[in-house]
Each structure stands twice: as C-alpha cells, then as structure tokens.
C-alpha atoms as a PDB file:
ATOM      1  CA  MET A   1     132.846  19.053 191.720  1.00  0.00           C
ATOM      2  CA  ARG A   2     134.603  20.223 188.622  1.00  0.00           C
ATOM      3  CA  LEU A   3     137.744  18.546 189.512  1.00  0.00           C
ATOM      4  CA  TRP A   4     135.804  15.154 189.416  1.00  0.00           C
ATOM      5  CA  LEU A   5     134.015  15.865 186.276  1.00  0.00           C
ATOM      6  CA  ALA A   6     137.640  16.861 184.793  1.00  0.00           C
ATOM      7  CA  LEU A   7     139.067  13.532 185.879  1.00  0.00           C
ATOM      8  CA  ILE A   8     136.249  11.598 184.334  1.00  0.00           C
ATOM      9  CA  VAL A   9     136.514  13.451 181.046  1.00  0.00           C
ATOM     10  CA  MET A  10     140.334  12.839 181.117  1.00  0.00           C
ATOM     11  CA  LEU A  11     139.857   9.041 181.768  1.00  0.00           C
ATOM     12  CA  MET A  12     137.347   8.718 179.151  1.00  0.00           C
ATOM     13  CA  ALA A  13     139.423  10.452 176.577  1.00  0.00           C
ATOM     14  CA  ALA A  14     142.556   8.274 177.058  1.00  0.00           C
ATOM     15  CA  PRO A  15     141.254   5.426 175.205  1.00  0.00           C
ATOM     16  CA  LEU A  16     141.029   7.810 172.044  1.00  0.00           C
ATOM     17  CA  ARG A  17     144.898   8.255 171.915  1.00  0.00           C
ATOM     18  CA  ALA A  18     146.617   6.995 168.710  1.00  0.00           C
ATOM     19  CA  ASP A  19     147.299   3.416 168.538  1.00  0.00           C
ATOM     20  CA  PRO A  20     151.311   3.156 169.492  1.00  0.00           C
ATOM     21  CA  ALA A  21     151.810   1.017 166.561  1.00  0.00           C
ATOM     22  CA  CYS A  22     150.387   3.500 164.270  1.00  0.00           C
ATOM     23  CA  GLU A  23     152.523   6.213 165.790  1.00  0.00           C
ATOM     24  CA  ALA A  24     155.543   3.823 165.278  1.00  0.00           C
ATOM     25  CA  ILE A  25     154.615   3.564 161.747  1.00  0.00           C
ATOM     26  CA  ALA A  26     153.892   7.004 160.984  1.00  0.00           C
ATOM     27  CA  ALA A  27     157.490   7.866 162.598  1.00  0.00           C
ATOM     28  CA  LEU A  28     159.055   5.181 160.345  1.00  0.00           C
ATOM     29  CA  GLY A  29     157.130   6.877 157.316  1.00  0.00           C
ATOM     30  CA  ARG A  30     158.717  10.115 158.028  1.00  0.00           C
ATOM     31  CA  VAL A  31     162.415   8.640 157.754  1.00  0.00           C
ATOM     32  CA  ALA A  32     161.324   7.077 154.686  1.00  0.00           C
ATOM     33  CA  ALA A  33     160.060  10.144 153.207  1.00  0.00           C
ATOM     34  CA  GLY A  34     163.313  12.118 154.081  1.00  0.00           C
ATOM     35  CA  SER A  35     165.514   9.379 152.858  1.00  0.00           C
ATOM     36  CA  ARG A  36     163.778   8.971 149.299  1.00  0.00           C
ATOM     37  CA  ALA A  37     163.591  12.644 149.077  1.00  0.00           C
ATOM     38  CA  GLY A  38     167.372  13.228 150.105  1.00  0.00           C
ATOM     39  CA  ASP A  39     165.999  15.804 152.691  1.00  0.00           C
ATOM     40  CA  LEU A  40     168.976  15.453 155.088  1.00  0.00           C
ATOM     41  CA  ALA A  41     167.449  18.132 157.502  1.00  0.00           C
ATOM     42  CA  GLY A  42     163.982  16.628 157.704  1.00  0.00           C
ATOM     43  CA  LEU A  43     165.857  13.263 157.779  1.00  0.00           C
ATOM     44  CA  ASP A  44     167.871  14.185 160.888  1.00  0.00           C
ATOM     45  CA  ARG A  45     164.518  15.468 162.511  1.00  0.00           C
ATOM     46  CA  ALA A  46     162.868  12.153 161.839  1.00  0.00           C
ATOM     47  CA  LEU A  47     165.686  10.501 163.490  1.00  0.00           C
ATOM     48  CA  ARG A  48     165.727  12.473 166.543  1.00  0.00           C
ATOM     49  CA  ARG A  49     161.850  11.768 167.119  1.00  0.00           C
ATOM     50  CA  ILE A  50     162.390   8.060 166.729  1.00  0.00           C
ATOM     51  CA  ASP A  51     163.659   5.468 169.144  1.00  0.00           C
ATOM     52  CA  THR A  52     164.421   1.834 167.500  1.00  0.00           C
ATOM     53  CA  GLU A  53     163.783   0.032 170.555  1.00  0.00           C
ATOM     54  CA  ARG A  54     160.791   1.721 171.769  1.00  0.00           C
ATOM     55  CA  ALA A  55     159.380   1.514 167.916  1.00  0.00           C
ATOM     56  CA  MET A  56     159.746  -2.044 167.982  1.00  0.00           C
ATOM     57  CA  TRP A  57     158.113  -2.470 171.518  1.00  0.00           C
ATOM     58  CA  ASP A  58     155.237  -0.504 170.140  1.00  0.00           C
ATOM     59  CA  LEU A  59     154.936  -2.704 167.213  1.00  0.00           C
ATOM     60  CA  ARG A  60     155.118  -5.938 169.114  1.00  0.00           C
ATOM     61  CA  GLY A  61     152.258  -8.181 167.982  1.00  0.00           C
ATOM     62  CA  HIS A  62     151.638  -6.201 164.653  1.00  0.00           C
ATOM     63  CA  PRO A  63     152.827  -7.861 161.393  1.00  0.00           C
ATOM     64  CA  LEU A  64     155.383  -5.623 160.461  1.00  0.00           C
ATOM     65  CA  ALA A  65     157.523  -6.428 163.541  1.00  0.00           C
ATOM     66  CA  ARG A  66     158.214  -9.553 161.637  1.00  0.00           C
ATOM     67  CA  HIS A  67     160.423  -7.370 159.191  1.00  0.00           C
ATOM     68  CA  ARG A  68     162.802  -6.133 161.998  1.00  0.00           C
ATOM     69  CA  ALA A  69     166.031  -6.649 159.627  1.00  0.00           C
ATOM     70  CA  ASP A  70     164.431  -4.490 156.864  1.00  0.00           C
ATOM     71  CA  LEU A  71     163.612  -1.659 159.404  1.00  0.00           C
ATOM     72  CA  ASP A  72     166.970  -1.799 160.853  1.00  0.00           C
ATOM     73  CA  ALA A  73     168.498  -1.652 157.414  1.00  0.00           C
ATOM     74  CA  ALA A  74     166.651   1.513 156.579  1.00  0.00           C
ATOM     75  CA  LEU A  75     167.264   3.081 160.037  1.00  0.00           C
ATOM     76  CA  ARG A  76     170.783   2.436 159.593  1.00  0.00           C
ATOM     77  CA  LEU A  77     171.269   3.892 155.995  1.00  0.00           C
ATOM     78  CA  ALA A  78     169.320   6.973 157.221  1.00  0.00           C
ATOM     79  CA  GLU A  79     171.712   7.414 160.303  1.00  0.00           C
ATOM     80  CA  GLU A  80     174.697   6.805 157.916  1.00  0.00           C
ATOM     81  CA  ALA A  81     173.351   9.373 155.567  1.00  0.00           C
ATOM     82  CA  VAL A  82     173.120  12.059 158.462  1.00  0.00           C
ATOM     83  CA  ALA A  83     176.348  11.275 159.770  1.00  0.00           C
ATOM     84  CA  LEU A  84     177.958  11.589 156.150  1.00  0.00           C
ATOM     85  CA  ALA A  85     176.313  15.117 155.606  1.00  0.00           C
ATOM     86  CA  ARG A  86     178.110  16.239 158.862  1.00  0.00           C
ATOM     87  CA  ARG A  87     181.325  15.010 157.867  1.00  0.00           C
ATOM     88  CA  ASP A  88     181.758  15.338 154.267  1.00  0.00           C
ATOM     89  CA  GLY A  89     178.814  17.604 153.209  1.00  0.00           C
ATOM     90  CA  GLU A  90     175.087  16.968 151.804  1.00  0.00           C
ATOM     91  CA  ALA A  91     176.383  16.110 148.305  1.00  0.00           C
ATOM     92  CA  ALA A  92     178.216  13.153 149.453  1.00  0.00           C
ATOM     93  CA  ALA A  93     175.087  11.974 151.613  1.00  0.00           C
ATOM     94  CA  ARG A  94     172.618  12.377 148.685  1.00  0.00           C
ATOM     95  CA  ALA A  95     174.917  10.007 146.671  1.00  0.00           C
ATOM     96  CA  ARG A  96     174.825   7.755 149.290  1.00  0.00           C
ATOM     97  CA  LEU A  97     171.212   7.605 149.428  1.00  0.00           C
ATOM     98  CA  ALA A  98     170.776   7.628 145.597  1.00  0.00           C
ATOM     99  CA  ALA A  99     172.948   4.393 145.355  1.00  0.00           C
ATOM    100  CA  PRO A 100     171.165   1.439 143.984  1.00  0.00           C
ATOM    101  CA  ALA A 101     171.496  -0.582 147.109  1.00  0.00           C
ATOM    102  CA  ALA A 102     170.324   2.406 149.040  1.00  0.00           C
ATOM    103  CA  ARG A 103     167.188   2.682 146.896  1.00  0.00           C
ATOM    104  CA  ALA A 104     166.379  -1.030 147.239  1.00  0.00           C
ATOM    105  CA  VAL A 105     166.418  -0.569 150.996  1.00  0.00           C
ATOM    106  CA  GLN A 106     164.467   2.396 150.827  1.00  0.00           C
ATOM    107  CA  GLY A 107     162.018   0.954 148.519  1.00  0.00           C
ATOM    108  CA  ARG A 108     161.427  -2.173 150.742  1.00  0.00           C
ATOM    109  CA  LEU A 109     160.872   0.098 153.563  1.00  0.00           C
ATOM    110  CA  VAL A 110     158.228   2.173 151.736  1.00  0.00           C
ATOM    111  CA  LEU A 111     156.367  -1.212 150.295  1.00  0.00           C
ATOM    112  CA  LEU A 112     156.184  -2.596 154.044  1.00  0.00           C
ATOM    113  CA  LEU A 113     154.779   0.755 155.126  1.00  0.00           C
ATOM    114  CA  ALA A 114     152.261   0.812 152.517  1.00  0.00           C
ATOM    115  CA  ARG A 115     151.395  -2.709 152.990  1.00  0.00           C
ATOM    116  CA  HIS A 116     150.859  -2.595 156.777  1.00  0.00           C
ATOM    117  CA  ALA A 117     149.904   1.260 157.269  1.00  0.00           C
ATOM    118  CA  CYS A 118     146.829   2.129 159.611  1.00  0.00           C
ATOM    119  CA  ALA A 119     143.857   2.587 158.044  1.00  0.00           C
ATOM    120  CA  PRO A 120     143.826   6.386 157.377  1.00  0.00           C
ATOM    121  CA  GLU A 121     147.024   6.338 155.931  1.00  0.00           C
ATOM    122  CA  ARG A 122     146.282   3.373 153.744  1.00  0.00           C
ATOM    123  CA  ALA A 123     143.224   4.724 152.373  1.00  0.00           C
ATOM    124  CA  ALA A 124     144.932   7.961 151.318  1.00  0.00           C
ATOM    125  CA  GLY A 125     148.178   6.206 149.780  1.00  0.00           C
ATOM    126  CA  PRO A 126     148.360   5.409 146.412  1.00  0.00           C
ATOM    127  CA  GLN A 127     149.809   1.824 146.963  1.00  0.00           C
ATOM    128  CA  ALA A 128     146.741   0.595 148.760  1.00  0.00           C
ATOM    129  CA  VAL A 129     146.165  -3.183 148.853  1.00  0.00           C
ATOM    130  CA  PRO A 130     142.976  -5.033 149.632  1.00  0.00           C
ATOM    131  CA  GLU A 131     142.584  -5.386 153.353  1.00  0.00           C
ATOM    132  CA  ALA A 132     142.618  -9.165 153.176  1.00  0.00           C
ATOM    133  CA  GLU A 133     146.429  -8.909 151.856  1.00  0.00           C
ATOM    134  CA  GLU A 134     147.595  -6.412 154.289  1.00  0.00           C
ATOM    135  CA  ARG A 135     147.365  -7.985 157.635  1.00  0.00           C
ATOM    136  CA  PRO A 136     147.125 -11.629 158.716  1.00  0.00           C
ATOM    137  CA  GLY A 137     145.020 -12.995 161.539  1.00  0.00           C
ATOM    138  CA  PRO A 138     146.021 -12.526 165.176  1.00  0.00           C
ATOM    139  CA  ALA A 139     149.259 -13.942 166.056  1.00  0.00           C
ATOM    140  CA  ALA A 140     149.333 -16.585 168.784  1.00  0.00           C
ATOM    141  CA  GLY A 141     149.073 -15.243 172.049  1.00  0.00           C
ATOM    142  CA  ASP A 142     147.190 -12.064 170.859  1.00  0.00           C
ATOM    143  CA  GLY A 143     143.935 -10.848 172.661  1.00  0.00           C
ATOM    144  CA  ILE A 144     140.442 -11.217 171.671  1.00  0.00           C
ATOM    145  CA  ALA A 145     140.061 -10.057 168.153  1.00  0.00           C
ATOM    146  CA  GLY A 146     143.623  -9.189 167.788  1.00  0.00           C
ATOM    147  CA  MET A 147     143.887  -7.138 170.993  1.00  0.00           C
ATOM    148  CA  ARG A 148     147.064  -7.423 172.684  1.00  0.00           C
ATOM    149  CA  MET A 149     146.942  -8.544 176.642  1.00  0.00           C
ATOM    150  CA  ALA A 150     148.311  -5.231 177.590  1.00  0.00           C
ATOM    151  CA  ASP A 151     145.473  -3.552 175.809  1.00  0.00           C
ATOM    152  CA  LEU A 152     143.033  -5.753 177.359  1.00  0.00           C
ATOM    153  CA  ALA A 153     144.676  -5.180 180.789  1.00  0.00           C
ATOM    154  CA  GLY A 154     144.511  -1.395 180.177  1.00  0.00           C
ATOM    155  CA  LEU A 155     140.930  -1.511 179.228  1.00  0.00           C
ATOM    156  CA  GLY A 156     139.995  -3.441 182.253  1.00  0.00           C
ATOM    157  CA  LEU A 157     141.834  -1.096 184.678  1.00  0.00           C
ATOM    158  CA  GLY A 158     140.208   1.754 182.840  1.00  0.00           C
ATOM    159  CA  THR A 159     136.859   0.420 183.239  1.00  0.00           C
ATOM    160  CA  LEU A 160     137.398  -0.132 186.970  1.00  0.00           C
ATOM    161  CA  VAL A 161     138.883   3.255 187.426  1.00  0.00           C
ATOM    162  CA  LEU A 162     135.663   4.698 185.670  1.00  0.00           C
ATOM    163  CA  ALA A 163     133.137   2.536 187.916  1.00  0.00           C
ATOM    164  CA  GLY A 164     135.230   3.642 191.059  1.00  0.00           C
ATOM    165  CA  LEU A 165     135.033   7.412 190.088  1.00  0.00           C
ATOM    166  CA  GLY A 166     131.444   7.013 189.366  1.00  0.00           C
ATOM    167  CA  THR A 167     130.436   5.491 192.473  1.00  0.00           C
ATOM    168  CA  LEU A 168     132.536   8.427 194.494  1.00  0.00           C
ATOM    169  CA  LEU A 169     130.740  11.041 192.564  1.00  0.00           C
ATOM    170  CA  GLY A 170     127.552   9.384 193.131  1.00  0.00           C
ATOM    171  CA  ARG A 171     128.358   9.859 196.853  1.00  0.00           C
ATOM    172  CA  VAL A 172     129.597  13.051 196.699  1.00  0.00           C
ATOM    173  CA  LEU A 173     126.543  14.532 194.711  1.00  0.00           C
ATOM    174  CA  ALA A 174     124.425  12.723 197.345  1.00  0.00           C
ATOM    175  CA  ARG A 175     126.020  14.254 200.115  1.00  0.00           C
ATOM    176  CA  ARG A 176     125.769  17.746 198.607  1.00  0.00           C
ATOM    177  CA  ASN A 177     121.859  17.098 198.288  1.00  0.00           C
ATOM    178  CA  ARG A 178     121.585  16.027 201.632  1.00  0.00           C
ATOM    179  CA  ARG A 179     123.271  19.105 202.921  1.00  0.00           C
ATOM    180  CA  ARG A 180     121.311  21.365 200.697  1.00  0.00           C
ATOM    181  CA  ARG A 181     117.862  19.844 201.925  1.00  0.00           C
ATOM    182  CA  ARG A 182     119.135  20.485 205.347  1.00  0.00           C
ATOM    183  CA  GLN A 183     119.765  24.033 204.361  1.00  0.00           C
ATOM    184  CA  ALA A 184     116.522  24.352 202.748  1.00  0.00           C
ATOM    185  CA  ARG A 185     114.495  23.193 205.610  1.00  0.00           C
ATOM    186  CA  ARG A 186     111.767  25.411 205.928  1.00  0.00           C
ATOM    187  CA  HIS A 187     110.266  26.671 209.262  1.00  0.00           C
ATOM    188  CA  ALA A 188     106.757  28.009 209.548  1.00  0.00           C
ATOM    189  CA  VAL A 189     106.370  31.239 211.286  1.00  0.00           C
ATOM    190  CA  ASN A 190     104.024  34.358 211.467  1.00  0.00           C
ATOM    191  CA  LEU A 191     106.375  37.286 212.294  1.00  0.00           C
ATOM    192  CA  PRO A 192     106.261  40.915 211.340  1.00  0.00           C
ATOM    193  CA  ALA A 193     108.549  42.195 208.753  1.00  0.00           C
ATOM    194  CA  ARG A 194     109.224  45.044 206.273  1.00  0.00           C
ATOM    195  CA  LEU A 195     109.954  44.309 202.591  1.00  0.00           C
ATOM    196  CA  ARG A 196     111.855  46.951 200.673  1.00  0.00           C
ATOM    197  CA  ALA A 197     111.929  46.852 196.597  1.00  0.00           C
ATOM    198  CA  GLY A 198     113.600  49.962 195.055  1.00  0.00           C
ATOM    199  CA  ARG A 199     112.149  53.065 196.814  1.00  0.00           C
ATOM    200  CA  SER A 200     108.735  51.118 197.781  1.00  0.00           C
ATOM    201  CA  GLU A 201     108.457  49.476 201.218  1.00  0.00           C
ATOM    202  CA  THR A 202     105.740  47.919 202.923  1.00  0.00           C
ATOM    203  CA  GLU A 203     104.695  46.111 205.939  1.00  0.00           C
ATOM    204  CA  THR A 204     104.547  42.310 205.575  1.00  0.00           C
ATOM    205  CA  ARG A 205     104.435  39.194 207.297  1.00  0.00           C
ATOM    206  CA  LEU A 206     106.902  36.270 207.318  1.00  0.00           C
ATOM    207  CA  VAL A 207     105.450  32.977 206.978  1.00  0.00           C
ATOM    208  CA  ASP A 208     108.308  30.608 206.394  1.00  0.00           C
ATOM    209  CA  ILE A 209     112.003  30.715 206.367  1.00  0.00           C
ATOM    210  CA  SER A 210     115.092  28.577 205.918  1.00  0.00           C
ATOM    211  CA  ARG A 211     118.781  29.334 205.324  1.00  0.00           C
ATOM    212  CA  LEU A 212     118.273  30.088 201.639  1.00  0.00           C
ATOM    213  CA  GLY A 213     115.249  31.990 201.214  1.00  0.00           C
ATOM    214  CA  ALA A 214     111.802  32.889 202.846  1.00  0.00           C
ATOM    215  CA  LYS A 215     107.922  33.266 201.976  1.00  0.00           C
ATOM    216  CA  LEU A 216     106.213  36.467 202.785  1.00  0.00           C
ATOM    217  CA  ARG A 217     102.650  37.506 202.796  1.00  0.00           C
ATOM    218  CA  LEU A 218     102.198  41.082 200.675  1.00  0.00           C
ATOM    219  CA  ASP A 219      99.169  43.385 200.810  1.00  0.00           C
ATOM    220  CA  PRO A 220      97.396  42.806 197.305  1.00  0.00           C
ATOM    221  CA  GLU A 221      97.548  46.664 196.984  1.00  0.00           C
ATOM    222  CA  PHE A 222     101.359  46.674 197.083  1.00  0.00           C
ATOM    223  CA  GLU A 223     102.737  47.431 193.652  1.00  0.00           C
ATOM    224  CA  PRO A 224     106.456  47.946 193.346  1.00  0.00           C
ATOM    225  CA  GLY A 225     106.688  47.377 189.774  1.00  0.00           C
ATOM    226  CA  PRO A 226     108.798  44.405 188.799  1.00  0.00           C
ATOM    227  CA  LEU A 227     110.396  42.625 191.764  1.00  0.00           C
ATOM    228  CA  GLY A 228     114.092  42.134 191.866  1.00  0.00           C
ATOM    229  CA  ALA A 229     116.673  42.890 194.724  1.00  0.00           C
ATOM    230  CA  VAL A 230     114.757  43.390 197.805  1.00  0.00           C
ATOM    231  CA  ILE A 231     115.764  44.075 201.668  1.00  0.00           C
ATOM    232  CA  ILE A 232     113.886  42.144 204.187  1.00  0.00           C
ATOM    233  CA  THR A 233     114.062  43.801 208.015  1.00  0.00           C
ATOM    234  CA  LEU A 234     113.170  41.354 210.671  1.00  0.00           C
ATOM    235  CA  GLY A 235     113.601  43.159 213.913  1.00  0.00           C
ATOM    236  CA  ASP A 236     117.057  44.573 213.826  1.00  0.00           C
ATOM    237  CA  ARG A 237     118.387  42.495 211.258  1.00  0.00           C
ATOM    238  CA  ARG A 238     118.378  43.422 207.432  1.00  0.00           C
ATOM    239  CA  ILE A 239     118.731  40.614 204.884  1.00  0.00           C
ATOM    240  CA  GLY A 240     119.505  41.274 201.427  1.00  0.00           C
ATOM    241  CA  ALA A 241     117.397  38.926 198.879  1.00  0.00           C
ATOM    242  CA  ARG A 242     116.166  38.502 195.245  1.00  0.00           C
ATOM    243  CA  ALA A 243     112.608  37.758 194.736  1.00  0.00           C
ATOM    244  CA  ARG A 244     112.136  34.921 192.455  1.00  0.00           C
ATOM    245  CA  TRP A 245     108.312  34.375 192.257  1.00  0.00           C
ATOM    246  CA  ARG A 246     105.275  36.441 193.286  1.00  0.00           C
ATOM    247  CA  ASN A 247     101.449  35.906 193.148  1.00  0.00           C
ATOM    248  CA  ARG A 248      98.442  38.236 194.443  1.00  0.00           C
ATOM    249  CA  HIS A 249      99.152  37.526 198.279  1.00  0.00           C
ATOM    250  CA  TYR A 250     102.745  36.165 198.298  1.00  0.00           C
ATOM    251  CA  VAL A 251     106.331  36.592 197.485  1.00  0.00           C
ATOM    252  CA  GLY A 252     108.940  33.942 197.390  1.00  0.00           C
ATOM    253  CA  VAL A 253     112.748  35.291 197.843  1.00  0.00           C
ATOM    254  CA  GLN A 254     116.259  33.626 197.736  1.00  0.00           C
ATOM    255  CA  PHE A 255     118.808  35.241 200.165  1.00  0.00           C
ATOM    256  CA  LEU A 256     121.811  36.616 198.496  1.00  0.00           C
ATOM    257  CA  ARG A 257     123.959  34.808 200.865  1.00  0.00           C
ATOM    258  CA  PRO A 258     122.444  31.530 202.879  1.00  0.00           C
ATOM    259  CA  LEU A 259     122.177  32.306 206.578  1.00  0.00           C
ATOM    260  CA  PRO A 260     124.658  31.082 208.872  1.00  0.00           C
ATOM    261  CA  GLU A 261     123.831  27.995 210.848  1.00  0.00           C
ATOM    262  CA  ASP A 262     123.091  29.708 213.828  1.00  0.00           C
ATOM    263  CA  ALA A 263     120.952  32.645 212.512  1.00  0.00           C
ATOM    264  CA  VAL A 264     117.552  30.960 211.731  1.00  0.00           C
ATOM    265  CA  ALA A 265     116.985  30.154 215.495  1.00  0.00           C
ATOM    266  CA  PRO A 266     116.880  33.854 216.627  1.00  0.00           C
ATOM    267  CA  ILE A 267     114.728  34.801 213.934  1.00  0.00           C
ATOM    268  CA  LEU A 268     112.098  31.761 214.973  1.00  0.00           C
ATOM    269  CA  THR A 269     111.985  33.445 218.413  1.00  0.00           C
ATOM    270  CA  LEU A 270     111.605  37.036 217.556  1.00  0.00           C
ATOM    271  CA  PRO A 271     109.002  38.641 219.802  1.00  0.00           C
ATOM    272  CA  GLU A 272     105.805  40.065 218.384  1.00  0.00           C
ATOM    273  CA  PRO A 273     106.141  43.995 218.855  1.00  0.00           C
ATOM    274  CA  GLU A 274     103.849  45.348 221.499  1.00  0.00           C
ATOM    275  CA  GLY A 275     100.358  46.546 220.091  1.00  0.00           C
ATOM    276  CA  ALA A 276     100.943  44.411 217.140  1.00  0.00           C
ATOM    277  CA  ALA A 277      98.427  41.789 216.580  1.00  0.00           C
ATOM    278  CA  PRO A 278      99.087  38.730 214.314  1.00  0.00           C
ATOM    279  CA  GLN A 279      97.443  38.754 211.038  1.00  0.00           C
ATOM    280  CA  PRO A 280      95.206  35.709 210.334  1.00  0.00           C
ATOM    281  CA  GLY A 281      97.305  32.970 208.321  1.00  0.00           C
END
C-alpha cells in the first residue's frame, strides 16, 4: 500500500520540477557571472555543468533562443579564457576577459539574461524591465498559452498515469476491504470460556467470534480493574487478546493475531462441558 502512495506522490510532484528553460538560463547566468568577475575557477565549474546543445534544446520556443549567436559568442569567450588560464596563467586569462571586445560580449549576455530571466530572478535583479517588454507572445507552433507541444504531451501522459494509478489503487483498497470484511465475519455462539485479566480470572460465555476478535458476557460483579491485555481460554485453546470496550454485561476483545482461516470452525463446534447448563442469552 505504501508503495502505491509513494508512486502517486512522486508523479504528483513531477510537474513541480523547475522549467528546463529556467535551468538553462540559470546555467548561462553562472557563466556570465564568472566571466565578468574574472573568477576562472568558478567559470571552469560553470562550463563543466553546461552543455551548449542541451541548453539550446531546453530553450526551444523561448525568446532567448533567437539570440543563439550572442550565446555562442559568450560561451566561446569563456572557454577560451579557461583554456588560456591553463596554458599561460590566470593573469593572461583575466586580461583576455577584460578586453573591450570581451566586455561587450559579456555585457550583451548579461543584458539578454536580465531581459528574459524567469520570474523569481527577474524580480530580484536590478535590471528588471516591464513584463510586456520582456517576452513576446507565443511563437508560431507554441501550445495553448505559450505551452510547448512537448509540455502538453507530458501533461496529458501524466494525467493518464495518475488516472490509471487511481483506478488501480481503488481496486486494491476495495479488495482489501472485502478481505477484512470476510475476516471480520462474526459467528453467533454460546460457549463457556474463561477470561484472565492480570491476576483476575472469571468464568464467562463467548457470544460471538470472528477471525479478528470476539464478544464475551461477563458477570457484572467481575471487577479486574482497567481491562487491557487479556487471555481467553476456549476448551484447550488459549488466545491472547486486548479488550477494546466493556459495559456492565459484555466485553469486546481484539485478538493479538488474527485466527488462522481453519481455526474458527473448530471453535464453533466445541462441545458443552458435561454438567454445564448454557446460560440464557
């Protein structure tokens, strides 16, 4: 049961994953920050974590994808600086990044990222621009309200999977409930028994029984104190149980372990001890 619940939670949480376009923009932002600061170690890490072709694929349909040439120029500059640092030292690499042409490339990348950043980054950035100027309407071929066809297909598939899992879970729960109802089927009886609670023990009558528990008639004068764990003796069988409720005449118990499938029938046919007259029901 827990496995099905875990699968449903995972599927419901899947749409909460960050937008791939936002992840690509964040990765480009790390490259821009390292390049402008001359942080060659950070720039190297940022480049190791970005795949240009994968980033452009994640940006498909996004307005930033129309500036592929500017993105490629900034990434190429960063790669050249890292390679130069390895070959000629960090001073030469920083000089390369500080050159006017390099600064122009970096500035263009920063401007593009600020203009097309995702909402949280845009709100925090000092170069935020009005929403109407940041992103044009959906490009031709985009889905409803700017959603890409791949997003719509994924949403539809997720909905179908959730619906299928919901149906399957409903069947599993229904089957489990039917099984519990079968196990809890009560059989009316009138058999002598003994009930032991702590150090107190008394004669009693079993009035009904199922695989899960039983109901016994008590002498109103029997006062064992608060009922908890009890032991019921039926013929030569001793059954551990826990009292769940009690009134003046009856007590209901739940067995510590459900009785085996073939254990109830022999109890129903227990003979009345010789000389013992059944008490009135």
